[in-house]
C-alpha cells in the first residue's frame, strides 16, 4: 500500500475513533453542528434549535443537540450516529439536503469606488478577481464567471482589495463591516462601497437511509406548516434574522 493510502486510512481510523457511540432514544432526534452564535449553542439557544424543536414537536419528538466539529458531524450523520447536521449549502456523497432552508444569507462585495465607477450589480463581476475567507464561498455562488483567491482572515482579504491585487472582498455584510471597523489605519468611507451580490440558502443535512428520508420529509412538511400557520416568522424575528424568501410567498 502506498504512503498516501496508508495516511488516508490512518485518518479514517482516527475519525471513527473520535465519534462517540451516540444513539437516538425512541421519539428522539439527534442534531449535530459546531457552535454558531445566534444559530446553535451549548445551552440549546439559537435559531436552528428553535426551528428543530418546533418542527419535531409537531410529531411528538424531542431534539437532542451535540456540538461537534463540522467534518465529524457530517460523518456522524452519514454513519447513522446522528440524524441531522445543521446546516450546509450543498450536499455531500451519501447525504441529502432538505429541499427547504433554515436560513438564507445575503452576501456582499466590498470594493474601491474607482474600481467600479458604473456598478451594475453582480454582472459587474464577470471575470473579476474576488477574494474571500478560506472555505466561505465558491465560484458556484455566482451566476457569472469569476476569478478568486482565499485568505485566512477578513483583514487580509481587505488588504488585497486596498492593494488592488483583488477587485472585491466577498463576505456577509456584518462580517465586512466588522473587518472595516477593525482595520488600521481607518478607511475613508468615501473610497469604498459595499453592494449586495447574492443570496445563499442553508439547509439541514440528512442521510439517505430510510430514517434519514423520513426525517427529511417531516422537516420539510413541518417548516411549510409552521409558515402557513404564521408560526415561523416570530421565531426568525426573535433572533433578528431574516426569514427565507421561500416562506414569504
C-alpha atoms as a PDB file:
ATOM      1  CA  UNK A   1       0.000   0.000   0.000  1.00  0.00           C
ATOM      2  CA  UNK A   2       1.360   3.421  -0.931  1.00  0.00           C
ATOM      3  CA  UNK A   3       2.178   6.019   1.713  1.00  0.00           C
ATOM      4  CA  UNK A   4      -0.712   8.362   0.705  1.00  0.00           C
ATOM      5  CA  UNK A   5      -3.181   5.462   1.029  1.00  0.00           C
ATOM      6  CA  UNK A   6      -1.768   4.488   4.418  1.00  0.00           C
ATOM      7  CA  UNK A   7      -2.087   8.099   5.532  1.00  0.00           C
ATOM      8  CA  UNK A   8      -5.715   8.278   4.355  1.00  0.00           C
ATOM      9  CA  UNK A   9      -6.519   5.001   6.121  1.00  0.00           C
ATOM     10  CA  UNK A  10      -4.940   6.286   9.330  1.00  0.00           C
ATOM     11  CA  UNK A  11      -7.011   9.491   9.208  1.00  0.00           C
ATOM     12  CA  UNK A  12     -10.206   7.490   8.641  1.00  0.00           C
ATOM     13  CA  UNK A  13      -9.450   5.261  11.644  1.00  0.00           C
ATOM     14  CA  UNK A  14      -8.756   8.314  13.814  1.00  0.00           C
ATOM     15  CA  UNK A  15     -12.019   9.993  12.761  1.00  0.00           C
ATOM     16  CA  UNK A  16     -14.036   6.899  13.613  1.00  0.00           C
ATOM     17  CA  UNK A  17     -12.274   6.639  16.975  1.00  0.00           C
ATOM     18  CA  UNK A  18     -13.295  10.220  17.754  1.00  0.00           C
ATOM     19  CA  UNK A  19     -17.004   9.608  17.077  1.00  0.00           C
ATOM     20  CA  UNK A  20     -18.821   8.758  20.306  1.00  0.00           C
ATOM     21  CA  UNK A  21     -21.297   5.890  20.153  1.00  0.00           C
ATOM     22  CA  UNK A  22     -24.455   8.005  20.380  1.00  0.00           C
ATOM     23  CA  UNK A  23     -27.829   6.568  19.512  1.00  0.00           C
ATOM     24  CA  UNK A  24     -31.241   8.153  19.495  1.00  0.00           C
ATOM     25  CA  UNK A  25     -33.827   7.082  22.040  1.00  0.00           C
ATOM     26  CA  UNK A  26     -37.389   6.342  20.970  1.00  0.00           C
ATOM     27  CA  UNK A  27     -39.056   9.581  19.942  1.00  0.00           C
ATOM     28  CA  UNK A  28     -35.735  11.449  19.874  1.00  0.00           C
ATOM     29  CA  UNK A  29     -33.961  13.214  17.019  1.00  0.00           C
ATOM     30  CA  UNK A  30     -30.219  13.924  17.302  1.00  0.00           C
ATOM     31  CA  UNK A  31     -28.828  17.031  15.617  1.00  0.00           C
ATOM     32  CA  UNK A  32     -25.146  17.951  15.326  1.00  0.00           C
ATOM     33  CA  UNK A  33     -23.128  21.026  14.364  1.00  0.00           C
ATOM     34  CA  UNK A  34     -20.323  23.297  15.521  1.00  0.00           C
ATOM     35  CA  UNK A  35     -21.170  26.325  17.667  1.00  0.00           C
ATOM     36  CA  UNK A  36     -22.506  29.229  15.615  1.00  0.00           C
ATOM     37  CA  UNK A  37     -23.507  32.312  17.566  1.00  0.00           C
ATOM     38  CA  UNK A  38     -27.218  33.010  17.175  1.00  0.00           C
ATOM     39  CA  UNK A  39     -27.828  29.689  15.438  1.00  0.00           C
ATOM     40  CA  UNK A  40     -26.620  26.912  17.757  1.00  0.00           C
ATOM     41  CA  UNK A  41     -25.247  26.879  21.272  1.00  0.00           C
ATOM     42  CA  UNK A  42     -24.438  24.509  24.143  1.00  0.00           C
ATOM     43  CA  UNK A  43     -27.319  25.976  26.150  1.00  0.00           C
ATOM     44  CA  UNK A  44     -29.823  24.949  23.469  1.00  0.00           C
ATOM     45  CA  UNK A  45     -30.394  28.557  22.451  1.00  0.00           C
ATOM     46  CA  UNK A  46     -30.330  29.663  18.805  1.00  0.00           C
ATOM     47  CA  UNK A  47     -32.369  29.859  15.620  1.00  0.00           C
ATOM     48  CA  UNK A  48     -31.609  26.304  14.468  1.00  0.00           C
ATOM     49  CA  UNK A  49     -32.501  24.846  17.871  1.00  0.00           C
ATOM     50  CA  UNK A  50     -35.840  26.626  17.971  1.00  0.00           C
ATOM     51  CA  UNK A  51     -36.745  25.627  14.440  1.00  0.00           C
ATOM     52  CA  UNK A  52     -35.880  21.968  15.018  1.00  0.00           C
ATOM     53  CA  UNK A  53     -37.801  21.879  18.301  1.00  0.00           C
ATOM     54  CA  UNK A  54     -40.855  23.499  16.680  1.00  0.00           C
ATOM     55  CA  UNK A  55     -40.785  21.149  13.674  1.00  0.00           C
ATOM     56  CA  UNK A  56     -40.341  17.871  15.507  1.00  0.00           C
ATOM     57  CA  UNK A  57     -42.587  18.708  18.458  1.00  0.00           C
ATOM     58  CA  UNK A  58     -45.420  18.510  15.927  1.00  0.00           C
ATOM     59  CA  UNK A  59     -44.902  14.756  15.705  1.00  0.00           C
ATOM     60  CA  UNK A  60     -44.116  14.244  19.389  1.00  0.00           C
ATOM     61  CA  UNK A  61     -40.323  14.021  19.061  1.00  0.00           C
ATOM     62  CA  UNK A  62     -37.741  15.669  21.274  1.00  0.00           C
ATOM     63  CA  UNK A  63     -34.489  17.016  19.855  1.00  0.00           C
ATOM     64  CA  UNK A  64     -31.051  16.481  21.393  1.00  0.00           C
ATOM     65  CA  UNK A  65     -28.159  18.543  20.029  1.00  0.00           C
ATOM     66  CA  UNK A  66     -24.478  17.578  20.098  1.00  0.00           C
ATOM     67  CA  UNK A  67     -21.808  20.207  19.497  1.00  0.00           C
ATOM     68  CA  UNK A  68     -19.107  18.715  17.262  1.00  0.00           C
ATOM     69  CA  UNK A  69     -16.740  19.941  14.511  1.00  0.00           C
ATOM     70  CA  UNK A  70     -18.264  20.147  11.032  1.00  0.00           C
ATOM     71  CA  UNK A  71     -16.440  17.202   9.438  1.00  0.00           C
ATOM     72  CA  UNK A  72     -17.145  14.949  12.397  1.00  0.00           C
ATOM     73  CA  UNK A  73     -20.818  15.955  12.414  1.00  0.00           C
ATOM     74  CA  UNK A  74     -21.280  15.145   8.738  1.00  0.00           C
ATOM     75  CA  UNK A  75     -19.552  11.804   9.220  1.00  0.00           C
ATOM     76  CA  UNK A  76     -21.822  11.026  12.172  1.00  0.00           C
ATOM     77  CA  UNK A  77     -24.905  11.623  10.023  1.00  0.00           C
ATOM     78  CA  UNK A  78     -23.518   9.542   7.175  1.00  0.00           C
ATOM     79  CA  UNK A  79     -22.730   6.653   9.532  1.00  0.00           C
ATOM     80  CA  UNK A  80     -26.038   6.817  11.432  1.00  0.00           C
ATOM     81  CA  UNK A  81     -24.559   8.156  14.674  1.00  0.00           C
ATOM     82  CA  UNK A  82     -26.713  11.294  14.376  1.00  0.00           C
ATOM     83  CA  UNK A  83     -29.822  12.237  12.419  1.00  0.00           C
ATOM     84  CA  UNK A  84     -29.312  15.791  11.151  1.00  0.00           C
ATOM     85  CA  UNK A  85     -26.422  18.174  10.554  1.00  0.00           C
ATOM     86  CA  UNK A  86     -27.348  21.878  10.731  1.00  0.00           C
ATOM     87  CA  UNK A  87     -26.661  23.329   8.208  1.00  0.00           C
ATOM     88  CA  UNK A  88     -24.926  23.387   4.792  1.00  0.00           C
ATOM     89  CA  UNK A  89     -25.306  24.936   1.368  1.00  0.00           C
ATOM     90  CA  UNK A  90     -24.517  21.737  -0.558  1.00  0.00           C
ATOM     91  CA  UNK A  91     -24.957  18.014  -0.072  1.00  0.00           C
ATOM     92  CA  UNK A  92     -22.062  15.562   0.064  1.00  0.00           C
ATOM     93  CA  UNK A  93     -21.785  11.933  -1.006  1.00  0.00           C
ATOM     94  CA  UNK A  94     -24.167   9.732   0.971  1.00  0.00           C
ATOM     95  CA  UNK A  95     -26.092  12.731   2.314  1.00  0.00           C
ATOM     96  CA  UNK A  96     -29.081  14.815   1.217  1.00  0.00           C
ATOM     97  CA  UNK A  97     -30.064  18.433   1.790  1.00  0.00           C
ATOM     98  CA  UNK A  98     -33.598  19.329   2.774  1.00  0.00           C
ATOM     99  CA  UNK A  99     -35.499  20.952  -0.089  1.00  0.00           C
ATOM    100  CA  UNK A 100     -36.369  23.947   2.097  1.00  0.00           C
ATOM    101  CA  UNK A 101     -33.852  26.051   4.043  1.00  0.00           C
ATOM    102  CA  UNK A 102     -33.453  27.050   7.677  1.00  0.00           C
ATOM    103  CA  UNK A 103     -31.570  30.218   6.808  1.00  0.00           C
ATOM    104  CA  UNK A 104     -30.936  32.385   3.793  1.00  0.00           C
ATOM    105  CA  UNK A 105     -27.896  34.621   3.943  1.00  0.00           C
ATOM    106  CA  UNK A 106     -27.315  37.632   1.742  1.00  0.00           C
ATOM    107  CA  UNK A 107     -23.682  38.214   0.852  1.00  0.00           C
ATOM    108  CA  UNK A 108     -21.929  41.346  -0.322  1.00  0.00           C
ATOM    109  CA  UNK A 109     -18.906  42.695  -2.134  1.00  0.00           C
ATOM    110  CA  UNK A 110     -16.639  45.434  -0.807  1.00  0.00           C
ATOM    111  CA  UNK A 111     -14.667  47.256  -3.480  1.00  0.00           C
ATOM    112  CA  UNK A 112     -12.867  50.521  -4.075  1.00  0.00           C
ATOM    113  CA  UNK A 113     -15.242  53.062  -5.602  1.00  0.00           C
ATOM    114  CA  UNK A 114     -12.895  53.717  -8.502  1.00  0.00           C
ATOM    115  CA  UNK A 115     -12.806  50.005  -9.417  1.00  0.00           C
ATOM    116  CA  UNK A 116     -16.478  50.058 -10.482  1.00  0.00           C
ATOM    117  CA  UNK A 117     -17.448  53.642 -11.327  1.00  0.00           C
ATOM    118  CA  UNK A 118     -20.583  52.291 -13.051  1.00  0.00           C
ATOM    119  CA  UNK A 119     -21.654  49.457 -10.760  1.00  0.00           C
ATOM    120  CA  UNK A 120     -24.479  47.382 -12.272  1.00  0.00           C
ATOM    121  CA  UNK A 121     -24.925  44.538  -9.822  1.00  0.00           C
ATOM    122  CA  UNK A 122     -23.496  41.042  -9.999  1.00  0.00           C
ATOM    123  CA  UNK A 123     -22.974  41.331 -13.773  1.00  0.00           C
ATOM    124  CA  UNK A 124     -20.168  43.767 -12.985  1.00  0.00           C
ATOM    125  CA  UNK A 125     -18.200  40.838 -11.520  1.00  0.00           C
ATOM    126  CA  UNK A 126     -17.651  39.000 -14.820  1.00  0.00           C
ATOM    127  CA  UNK A 127     -14.055  37.708 -14.766  1.00  0.00           C
ATOM    128  CA  UNK A 128     -13.170  39.966 -11.828  1.00  0.00           C
ATOM    129  CA  UNK A 129     -10.703  38.951  -9.110  1.00  0.00           C
ATOM    130  CA  UNK A 130     -12.648  38.125  -5.947  1.00  0.00           C
ATOM    131  CA  UNK A 131     -11.235  37.196  -2.553  1.00  0.00           C
ATOM    132  CA  UNK A 132     -12.955  35.576   0.431  1.00  0.00           C
ATOM    133  CA  UNK A 133     -12.084  33.709   3.579  1.00  0.00           C
ATOM    134  CA  UNK A 134     -10.959  30.124   3.158  1.00  0.00           C
ATOM    135  CA  UNK A 135     -13.911  27.823   2.514  1.00  0.00           C
ATOM    136  CA  UNK A 136     -16.571  30.524   2.890  1.00  0.00           C
ATOM    137  CA  UNK A 137     -17.642  30.759  -0.775  1.00  0.00           C
ATOM    138  CA  UNK A 138     -17.021  29.191  -4.167  1.00  0.00           C
ATOM    139  CA  UNK A 139     -17.351  30.252  -7.826  1.00  0.00           C
ATOM    140  CA  UNK A 140     -20.639  28.294  -7.857  1.00  0.00           C
ATOM    141  CA  UNK A 141     -22.169  31.013  -5.673  1.00  0.00           C
ATOM    142  CA  UNK A 142     -22.034  33.449  -8.597  1.00  0.00           C
ATOM    143  CA  UNK A 143     -24.128  33.389 -11.797  1.00  0.00           C
ATOM    144  CA  UNK A 144     -21.192  34.816 -13.773  1.00  0.00           C
ATOM    145  CA  UNK A 145     -17.613  33.551 -14.294  1.00  0.00           C
ATOM    146  CA  UNK A 146     -15.167  34.920 -11.723  1.00  0.00           C
ATOM    147  CA  UNK A 147     -11.563  34.540 -10.662  1.00  0.00           C
ATOM    148  CA  UNK A 148     -10.960  34.016  -6.949  1.00  0.00           C
ATOM    149  CA  UNK A 149      -8.463  33.647  -4.140  1.00  0.00           C
ATOM    150  CA  UNK A 150      -8.845  32.774  -0.467  1.00  0.00           C
ATOM    151  CA  UNK A 151      -7.338  34.146   2.732  1.00  0.00           C
ATOM    152  CA  UNK A 152      -7.389  33.105   6.362  1.00  0.00           C
ATOM    153  CA  UNK A 153      -8.893  36.379   7.622  1.00  0.00           C
ATOM    154  CA  UNK A 154     -11.161  39.195   6.517  1.00  0.00           C
ATOM    155  CA  UNK A 155      -8.389  41.695   7.273  1.00  0.00           C
ATOM    156  CA  UNK A 156      -6.090  40.008   4.752  1.00  0.00           C
ATOM    157  CA  UNK A 157      -8.896  39.954   2.171  1.00  0.00           C
ATOM    158  CA  UNK A 158      -9.496  43.664   2.734  1.00  0.00           C
ATOM    159  CA  UNK A 159      -5.768  44.392   2.387  1.00  0.00           C
ATOM    160  CA  UNK A 160      -5.777  42.741  -1.026  1.00  0.00           C
ATOM    161  CA  UNK A 161      -8.580  44.999  -2.191  1.00  0.00           C
ATOM    162  CA  UNK A 162      -6.778  48.079  -0.887  1.00  0.00           C
ATOM    163  CA  UNK A 163      -3.549  46.981  -2.635  1.00  0.00           C
ATOM    164  CA  UNK A 164      -5.683  46.315  -5.749  1.00  0.00           C
ATOM    165  CA  UNK A 165      -4.423  42.746  -6.112  1.00  0.00           C
ATOM    166  CA  UNK A 166      -8.110  41.765  -5.827  1.00  0.00           C
ATOM    167  CA  UNK A 167     -11.169  43.652  -7.042  1.00  0.00           C
ATOM    168  CA  UNK A 168     -13.696  42.649  -4.342  1.00  0.00           C
ATOM    169  CA  UNK A 169     -13.792  41.207  -0.845  1.00  0.00           C
ATOM    170  CA  UNK A 170     -16.823  38.876  -0.563  1.00  0.00           C
ATOM    171  CA  UNK A 171     -18.498  38.228   2.789  1.00  0.00           C
ATOM    172  CA  UNK A 172     -21.589  38.624   4.941  1.00  0.00           C
ATOM    173  CA  UNK A 173     -22.402  42.321   5.376  1.00  0.00           C
ATOM    174  CA  UNK A 174     -21.879  42.264   9.143  1.00  0.00           C
ATOM    175  CA  UNK A 175     -18.534  40.479   8.802  1.00  0.00           C
ATOM    176  CA  UNK A 176     -17.415  43.020   6.212  1.00  0.00           C
ATOM    177  CA  UNK A 177     -18.336  45.920   8.491  1.00  0.00           C
ATOM    178  CA  UNK A 178     -16.584  44.241  11.453  1.00  0.00           C
ATOM    179  CA  UNK A 179     -13.468  43.891   9.308  1.00  0.00           C
ATOM    180  CA  UNK A 180     -13.621  47.511   8.152  1.00  0.00           C
ATOM    181  CA  UNK A 181     -14.089  48.763  11.725  1.00  0.00           C
ATOM    182  CA  UNK A 182     -11.085  46.730  12.912  1.00  0.00           C
ATOM    183  CA  UNK A 183      -8.833  47.830  10.074  1.00  0.00           C
ATOM    184  CA  UNK A 184      -5.960  50.193  10.815  1.00  0.00           C
ATOM    185  CA  UNK A 185      -5.435  52.866   9.768  1.00  0.00           C
ATOM    186  CA  UNK A 186      -9.172  53.642   9.461  1.00  0.00           C
ATOM    187  CA  UNK A 187     -10.585  53.645   5.939  1.00  0.00           C
ATOM    188  CA  UNK A 188     -12.229  56.669   4.412  1.00  0.00           C
ATOM    189  CA  UNK A 189     -15.828  55.615   3.688  1.00  0.00           C
ATOM    190  CA  UNK A 190     -15.786  57.777   0.565  1.00  0.00           C
ATOM    191  CA  UNK A 191     -13.224  55.468  -1.039  1.00  0.00           C
ATOM    192  CA  UNK A 192     -15.143  52.181  -0.969  1.00  0.00           C
ATOM    193  CA  UNK A 193     -18.610  50.721  -1.491  1.00  0.00           C
ATOM    194  CA  UNK A 194     -20.428  47.630  -0.210  1.00  0.00           C
ATOM    195  CA  UNK A 195     -23.046  46.109  -2.508  1.00  0.00           C
ATOM    196  CA  UNK A 196     -25.248  43.009  -2.368  1.00  0.00           C
ATOM    197  CA  UNK A 197     -24.227  40.302  -4.845  1.00  0.00           C
ATOM    198  CA  UNK A 198     -26.387  37.304  -3.940  1.00  0.00           C
ATOM    199  CA  UNK A 199     -28.254  35.039  -1.565  1.00  0.00           C
ATOM    200  CA  UNK A 200     -27.299  31.603  -0.344  1.00  0.00           C
ATOM    201  CA  UNK A 201     -29.554  29.081   1.372  1.00  0.00           C
ATOM    202  CA  UNK A 202     -28.502  26.868   4.295  1.00  0.00           C
ATOM    203  CA  UNK A 203     -30.460  23.646   4.787  1.00  0.00           C
ATOM    204  CA  UNK A 204     -30.158  20.716   7.201  1.00  0.00           C
ATOM    205  CA  UNK A 205     -28.347  17.584   6.044  1.00  0.00           C
ATOM    206  CA  UNK A 206     -29.827  14.072   6.285  1.00  0.00           C
ATOM    207  CA  UNK A 207     -28.604  10.583   5.459  1.00  0.00           C
ATOM    208  CA  UNK A 208     -30.076   8.692   2.511  1.00  0.00           C
ATOM    209  CA  UNK A 209     -31.252   5.879   4.802  1.00  0.00           C
ATOM    210  CA  UNK A 210     -34.995   5.221   5.258  1.00  0.00           C
ATOM    211  CA  UNK A 211     -34.881   7.031   8.618  1.00  0.00           C
ATOM    212  CA  UNK A 212     -32.965   9.936   7.092  1.00  0.00           C
ATOM    213  CA  UNK A 213     -35.515  10.364   4.318  1.00  0.00           C
ATOM    214  CA  UNK A 214     -38.428  10.060   6.743  1.00  0.00           C
ATOM    215  CA  UNK A 215     -36.952  12.820   8.933  1.00  0.00           C
ATOM    216  CA  UNK A 216     -36.173  14.994   5.909  1.00  0.00           C
ATOM    217  CA  UNK A 217     -39.801  14.801   4.735  1.00  0.00           C
ATOM    218  CA  UNK A 218     -41.006  15.542   8.277  1.00  0.00           C
ATOM    219  CA  UNK A 219     -38.733  18.588   8.429  1.00  0.00           C
ATOM    220  CA  UNK A 220     -39.907  19.916   5.055  1.00  0.00           C
ATOM    221  CA  UNK A 221     -43.577  19.419   5.871  1.00  0.00           C
ATOM    222  CA  UNK A 222     -43.129  20.911   9.335  1.00  0.00           C
ATOM    223  CA  UNK A 223     -41.422  24.081   8.088  1.00  0.00           C
ATOM    224  CA  UNK A 224     -44.107  24.644   5.451  1.00  0.00           C
ATOM    225  CA  UNK A 225     -46.896  24.078   8.004  1.00  0.00           C
ATOM    226  CA  UNK A 226     -45.339  26.498  10.502  1.00  0.00           C
ATOM    227  CA  UNK A 227     -45.080  29.121   7.753  1.00  0.00           C
ATOM    228  CA  UNK A 228     -48.702  28.648   6.664  1.00  0.00           C
ATOM    229  CA  UNK A 229     -49.892  28.949  10.272  1.00  0.00           C
ATOM    230  CA  UNK A 230     -47.916  32.149  10.872  1.00  0.00           C
ATOM    231  CA  UNK A 231     -45.720  30.478  13.487  1.00  0.00           C
ATOM    232  CA  UNK A 232     -42.428  30.663  11.585  1.00  0.00           C
ATOM    233  CA  UNK A 233     -41.880  34.415  11.275  1.00  0.00           C
ATOM    234  CA  UNK A 234     -41.899  35.085  15.061  1.00  0.00           C
ATOM    235  CA  UNK A 235     -39.020  32.633  15.503  1.00  0.00           C
ATOM    236  CA  UNK A 236     -36.867  34.492  12.962  1.00  0.00           C
ATOM    237  CA  UNK A 237     -37.876  37.845  14.424  1.00  0.00           C
ATOM    238  CA  UNK A 238     -36.867  36.684  17.901  1.00  0.00           C
ATOM    239  CA  UNK A 239     -33.338  36.013  16.659  1.00  0.00           C
ATOM    240  CA  UNK A 240     -33.279  39.152  14.487  1.00  0.00           C
ATOM    241  CA  UNK A 241     -32.605  37.087  11.389  1.00  0.00           C
ATOM    242  CA  UNK A 242     -34.461  37.206   8.055  1.00  0.00           C
ATOM    243  CA  UNK A 243     -36.975  34.513   7.243  1.00  0.00           C
ATOM    244  CA  UNK A 244     -36.033  32.826   3.920  1.00  0.00           C
ATOM    245  CA  UNK A 245     -37.966  34.224   0.992  1.00  0.00           C
ATOM    246  CA  UNK A 246     -39.412  30.828   0.075  1.00  0.00           C
ATOM    247  CA  UNK A 247     -41.671  31.007   3.164  1.00  0.00           C
ATOM    248  CA  UNK A 248     -42.857  34.533   2.401  1.00  0.00           C
ATOM    249  CA  UNK A 249     -44.821  33.636  -0.732  1.00  0.00           C
END
